[in-house]
């Protein structure tokens, strides 16, 4: 027959179990926070890479034509026949879509979860009516974190 003393010594106390649960919960929380931070950094890096690709091919277009595409033209991505497929070869639809966004349409003003393409003529006015007058642009991606202390990543025209 087991004695009362032997029964008391087997197993863990409620306090010991609570401490173990709290420690494991704290470690799990730290792992989750770190993982989310890494995912956020990866999305911001993808945004930077996409904007650089858009910027590079837009500058190449200017080198060929002497003007920049309008916002309407940049959003014409019909397979094989759209403006982007014909004039900006190498850009894929994914490079127009923010990693957390739902649409691959470029917008005119900076917005969360969307890339913007603000394009104007030399006077700073809309060039949508006559794309051959498009002389300035700014691509913008809104970041979740910061890159070099900035909450947006932008690239502007280098020509003119």
C-alpha atoms as a PDB file:
ATOM      1  CA  UNK A   1       0.000   0.000   0.000  1.00  0.00           C
ATOM      2  CA  UNK A   2       1.306   3.440  -0.903  1.00  0.00           C
ATOM      3  CA  UNK A   3       1.709   6.000   1.756  1.00  0.00           C
ATOM      4  CA  UNK A   4       0.224   9.484   1.714  1.00  0.00           C
ATOM      5  CA  UNK A   5       3.748  10.925   1.461  1.00  0.00           C
ATOM      6  CA  UNK A   6       4.449   9.010  -1.776  1.00  0.00           C
ATOM      7  CA  UNK A   7       1.204  10.278  -3.354  1.00  0.00           C
ATOM      8  CA  UNK A   8       2.059  13.915  -2.588  1.00  0.00           C
ATOM      9  CA  UNK A   9       5.512  13.643  -4.180  1.00  0.00           C
ATOM     10  CA  UNK A  10       4.404  12.317  -7.560  1.00  0.00           C
ATOM     11  CA  UNK A  11       3.494  14.772 -10.412  1.00  0.00           C
ATOM     12  CA  UNK A  12       3.700  18.552 -10.700  1.00  0.00           C
ATOM     13  CA  UNK A  13       1.920  21.233  -8.710  1.00  0.00           C
ATOM     14  CA  UNK A  14      -0.557  23.564 -10.386  1.00  0.00           C
ATOM     15  CA  UNK A  15       1.863  26.464  -9.904  1.00  0.00           C
ATOM     16  CA  UNK A  16       4.666  24.589 -11.695  1.00  0.00           C
ATOM     17  CA  UNK A  17       2.359  23.736 -14.595  1.00  0.00           C
ATOM     18  CA  UNK A  18       1.194  27.367 -14.870  1.00  0.00           C
ATOM     19  CA  UNK A  19       4.791  28.600 -14.978  1.00  0.00           C
ATOM     20  CA  UNK A  20       5.636  26.138 -17.773  1.00  0.00           C
ATOM     21  CA  UNK A  21       2.556  27.219 -19.762  1.00  0.00           C
ATOM     22  CA  UNK A  22       3.439  30.908 -19.332  1.00  0.00           C
ATOM     23  CA  UNK A  23       7.051  30.363 -20.435  1.00  0.00           C
ATOM     24  CA  UNK A  24       5.998  28.337 -23.502  1.00  0.00           C
ATOM     25  CA  UNK A  25       3.343  30.930 -24.367  1.00  0.00           C
ATOM     26  CA  UNK A  26       5.911  33.734 -24.107  1.00  0.00           C
ATOM     27  CA  UNK A  27       8.337  31.918 -26.385  1.00  0.00           C
ATOM     28  CA  UNK A  28       5.590  31.213 -28.910  1.00  0.00           C
ATOM     29  CA  UNK A  29       4.615  34.900 -28.863  1.00  0.00           C
ATOM     30  CA  UNK A  30       8.232  35.957 -29.533  1.00  0.00           C
ATOM     31  CA  UNK A  31       8.513  33.527 -32.450  1.00  0.00           C
ATOM     32  CA  UNK A  32       5.232  34.803 -33.923  1.00  0.00           C
ATOM     33  CA  UNK A  33       6.276  38.463 -33.638  1.00  0.00           C
ATOM     34  CA  UNK A  34       9.653  37.740 -35.237  1.00  0.00           C
ATOM     35  CA  UNK A  35       8.072  35.717 -38.046  1.00  0.00           C
ATOM     36  CA  UNK A  36       5.567  38.486 -38.821  1.00  0.00           C
ATOM     37  CA  UNK A  37       8.387  41.051 -38.894  1.00  0.00           C
ATOM     38  CA  UNK A  38      10.347  38.948 -41.371  1.00  0.00           C
ATOM     39  CA  UNK A  39       7.281  38.541 -43.593  1.00  0.00           C
ATOM     40  CA  UNK A  40       6.707  42.311 -43.503  1.00  0.00           C
ATOM     41  CA  UNK A  41      10.333  42.969 -44.493  1.00  0.00           C
ATOM     42  CA  UNK A  42      10.022  40.486 -47.360  1.00  0.00           C
ATOM     43  CA  UNK A  43       6.890  42.230 -48.669  1.00  0.00           C
ATOM     44  CA  UNK A  44       8.623  45.623 -48.467  1.00  0.00           C
ATOM     45  CA  UNK A  45      11.631  44.211 -50.332  1.00  0.00           C
ATOM     46  CA  UNK A  46       9.275  42.876 -53.009  1.00  0.00           C
ATOM     47  CA  UNK A  47       7.668  46.318 -53.306  1.00  0.00           C
ATOM     48  CA  UNK A  48      11.083  47.904 -53.784  1.00  0.00           C
ATOM     49  CA  UNK A  49      12.028  45.329 -56.420  1.00  0.00           C
ATOM     50  CA  UNK A  50       8.732  45.826 -58.320  1.00  0.00           C
ATOM     51  CA  UNK A  51       9.045  49.625 -58.371  1.00  0.00           C
ATOM     52  CA  UNK A  52      12.645  49.368 -59.603  1.00  0.00           C
ATOM     53  CA  UNK A  53      11.553  47.048 -62.442  1.00  0.00           C
ATOM     54  CA  UNK A  54       8.732  49.413 -63.447  1.00  0.00           C
ATOM     55  CA  UNK A  55      11.118  52.375 -63.287  1.00  0.00           C
ATOM     56  CA  UNK A  56      13.801  50.651 -65.361  1.00  0.00           C
ATOM     57  CA  UNK A  57      11.488  49.655 -68.219  1.00  0.00           C
ATOM     58  CA  UNK A  58       9.671  53.010 -68.178  1.00  0.00           C
ATOM     59  CA  UNK A  59      13.031  54.736 -68.636  1.00  0.00           C
ATOM     60  CA  UNK A  60      13.871  52.323 -71.460  1.00  0.00           C
ATOM     61  CA  UNK A  61      10.564  53.268 -73.117  1.00  0.00           C
ATOM     62  CA  UNK A  62      11.477  56.959 -72.843  1.00  0.00           C
ATOM     63  CA  UNK A  63      14.813  56.182 -74.474  1.00  0.00           C
ATOM     64  CA  UNK A  64      12.975  54.738 -77.479  1.00  0.00           C
ATOM     65  CA  UNK A  65      10.026  57.140 -77.762  1.00  0.00           C
ATOM     66  CA  UNK A  66      11.105  60.369 -76.044  1.00  0.00           C
ATOM     67  CA  UNK A  67       8.097  60.438 -73.692  1.00  0.00           C
ATOM     68  CA  UNK A  68       6.674  58.322 -70.889  1.00  0.00           C
ATOM     69  CA  UNK A  69       3.546  56.142 -71.038  1.00  0.00           C
ATOM     70  CA  UNK A  70       0.319  57.534 -69.622  1.00  0.00           C
ATOM     71  CA  UNK A  71      -1.423  55.917 -66.650  1.00  0.00           C
ATOM     72  CA  UNK A  72      -4.045  54.481 -69.012  1.00  0.00           C
ATOM     73  CA  UNK A  73      -1.354  52.923 -71.171  1.00  0.00           C
ATOM     74  CA  UNK A  74       0.442  51.449 -68.127  1.00  0.00           C
ATOM     75  CA  UNK A  75      -2.824  49.804 -67.081  1.00  0.00           C
ATOM     76  CA  UNK A  76      -3.429  48.292 -70.536  1.00  0.00           C
ATOM     77  CA  UNK A  77      -2.061  44.809 -69.953  1.00  0.00           C
ATOM     78  CA  UNK A  78      -4.161  42.798 -72.375  1.00  0.00           C
ATOM     79  CA  UNK A  79      -2.221  39.631 -73.201  1.00  0.00           C
ATOM     80  CA  UNK A  80      -0.092  39.935 -76.354  1.00  0.00           C
ATOM     81  CA  UNK A  81      -1.820  43.085 -77.645  1.00  0.00           C
ATOM     82  CA  UNK A  82      -1.942  45.507 -74.698  1.00  0.00           C
ATOM     83  CA  UNK A  83       0.369  48.484 -74.362  1.00  0.00           C
ATOM     84  CA  UNK A  84       2.581  46.806 -71.742  1.00  0.00           C
ATOM     85  CA  UNK A  85       2.877  43.528 -73.678  1.00  0.00           C
ATOM     86  CA  UNK A  86       3.892  45.384 -76.838  1.00  0.00           C
ATOM     87  CA  UNK A  87       6.023  48.228 -75.429  1.00  0.00           C
ATOM     88  CA  UNK A  88       7.338  47.136 -72.022  1.00  0.00           C
ATOM     89  CA  UNK A  89       8.343  43.547 -72.647  1.00  0.00           C
ATOM     90  CA  UNK A  90       9.631  41.809 -69.571  1.00  0.00           C
ATOM     91  CA  UNK A  91       7.118  43.223 -67.111  1.00  0.00           C
ATOM     92  CA  UNK A  92       4.767  40.674 -65.637  1.00  0.00           C
ATOM     93  CA  UNK A  93       1.409  41.341 -64.024  1.00  0.00           C
ATOM     94  CA  UNK A  94       2.838  40.547 -60.589  1.00  0.00           C
ATOM     95  CA  UNK A  95       5.123  43.563 -60.790  1.00  0.00           C
ATOM     96  CA  UNK A  96       2.083  45.827 -60.938  1.00  0.00           C
ATOM     97  CA  UNK A  97       0.481  44.309 -57.821  1.00  0.00           C
ATOM     98  CA  UNK A  98       1.359  45.125 -54.233  1.00  0.00           C
ATOM     99  CA  UNK A  99       2.057  41.920 -52.223  1.00  0.00           C
ATOM    100  CA  UNK A 100      -0.948  42.617 -49.989  1.00  0.00           C
ATOM    101  CA  UNK A 101      -3.057  44.196 -52.710  1.00  0.00           C
ATOM    102  CA  UNK A 102      -5.990  42.684 -54.542  1.00  0.00           C
ATOM    103  CA  UNK A 103      -5.607  44.531 -57.847  1.00  0.00           C
ATOM    104  CA  UNK A 104      -2.752  44.945 -60.305  1.00  0.00           C
ATOM    105  CA  UNK A 105      -4.060  48.306 -61.525  1.00  0.00           C
ATOM    106  CA  UNK A 106      -1.722  51.244 -60.970  1.00  0.00           C
ATOM    107  CA  UNK A 107      -3.441  54.156 -59.212  1.00  0.00           C
ATOM    108  CA  UNK A 108      -2.817  57.872 -59.721  1.00  0.00           C
ATOM    109  CA  UNK A 109      -2.064  58.772 -56.097  1.00  0.00           C
ATOM    110  CA  UNK A 110      -0.155  56.772 -53.453  1.00  0.00           C
ATOM    111  CA  UNK A 111      -2.342  54.315 -51.558  1.00  0.00           C
ATOM    112  CA  UNK A 112      -1.891  51.427 -49.170  1.00  0.00           C
ATOM    113  CA  UNK A 113      -1.698  47.999 -50.876  1.00  0.00           C
ATOM    114  CA  UNK A 114      -1.436  49.515 -54.375  1.00  0.00           C
ATOM    115  CA  UNK A 115       1.342  50.943 -56.510  1.00  0.00           C
ATOM    116  CA  UNK A 116       0.881  54.432 -57.884  1.00  0.00           C
ATOM    117  CA  UNK A 117       2.085  55.988 -61.112  1.00  0.00           C
ATOM    118  CA  UNK A 118       1.702  59.760 -61.211  1.00  0.00           C
ATOM    119  CA  UNK A 119       2.586  60.996 -64.696  1.00  0.00           C
ATOM    120  CA  UNK A 120       2.377  64.562 -66.012  1.00  0.00           C
ATOM    121  CA  UNK A 121       3.544  66.781 -68.841  1.00  0.00           C
ATOM    122  CA  UNK A 122       6.480  69.194 -68.372  1.00  0.00           C
ATOM    123  CA  UNK A 123       4.149  71.786 -66.810  1.00  0.00           C
ATOM    124  CA  UNK A 124       2.960  69.294 -64.186  1.00  0.00           C
ATOM    125  CA  UNK A 125      -0.491  68.841 -65.755  1.00  0.00           C
ATOM    126  CA  UNK A 126      -2.256  65.675 -66.872  1.00  0.00           C
ATOM    127  CA  UNK A 127      -0.947  64.118 -70.065  1.00  0.00           C
ATOM    128  CA  UNK A 128      -3.701  61.494 -70.420  1.00  0.00           C
ATOM    129  CA  UNK A 129      -5.286  63.273 -73.414  1.00  0.00           C
ATOM    130  CA  UNK A 130      -1.958  63.305 -75.292  1.00  0.00           C
ATOM    131  CA  UNK A 131       0.461  60.654 -73.959  1.00  0.00           C
ATOM    132  CA  UNK A 132       3.228  61.955 -76.218  1.00  0.00           C
ATOM    133  CA  UNK A 133       3.514  64.928 -73.812  1.00  0.00           C
ATOM    134  CA  UNK A 134       4.171  62.798 -70.699  1.00  0.00           C
ATOM    135  CA  UNK A 135       7.472  64.160 -69.374  1.00  0.00           C
ATOM    136  CA  UNK A 136       7.566  63.379 -65.621  1.00  0.00           C
ATOM    137  CA  UNK A 137       6.492  60.519 -63.421  1.00  0.00           C
ATOM    138  CA  UNK A 138       6.748  59.103 -59.929  1.00  0.00           C
ATOM    139  CA  UNK A 139       6.203  55.459 -58.990  1.00  0.00           C
ATOM    140  CA  UNK A 140       5.287  54.985 -55.324  1.00  0.00           C
ATOM    141  CA  UNK A 141       4.833  51.953 -53.089  1.00  0.00           C
ATOM    142  CA  UNK A 142       3.560  52.398 -49.531  1.00  0.00           C
ATOM    143  CA  UNK A 143       5.619  50.273 -47.157  1.00  0.00           C
ATOM    144  CA  UNK A 144       4.476  48.386 -44.077  1.00  0.00           C
ATOM    145  CA  UNK A 145       7.716  49.192 -42.290  1.00  0.00           C
ATOM    146  CA  UNK A 146      10.511  51.545 -43.259  1.00  0.00           C
ATOM    147  CA  UNK A 147      13.394  51.424 -45.707  1.00  0.00           C
ATOM    148  CA  UNK A 148      16.138  53.903 -44.842  1.00  0.00           C
ATOM    149  CA  UNK A 149      13.705  55.651 -42.503  1.00  0.00           C
ATOM    150  CA  UNK A 150      11.031  56.167 -45.208  1.00  0.00           C
ATOM    151  CA  UNK A 151       7.482  54.785 -45.216  1.00  0.00           C
ATOM    152  CA  UNK A 152       7.204  54.946 -49.011  1.00  0.00           C
ATOM    153  CA  UNK A 153       9.521  53.800 -51.749  1.00  0.00           C
ATOM    154  CA  UNK A 154       9.576  56.036 -54.828  1.00  0.00           C
ATOM    155  CA  UNK A 155      11.322  56.279 -58.151  1.00  0.00           C
ATOM    156  CA  UNK A 156      11.065  59.325 -60.375  1.00  0.00           C
ATOM    157  CA  UNK A 157      11.944  60.008 -63.988  1.00  0.00           C
ATOM    158  CA  UNK A 158      15.646  60.491 -64.610  1.00  0.00           C
ATOM    159  CA  UNK A 159      15.218  61.999 -68.060  1.00  0.00           C
ATOM    160  CA  UNK A 160      14.651  65.679 -68.814  1.00  0.00           C
END
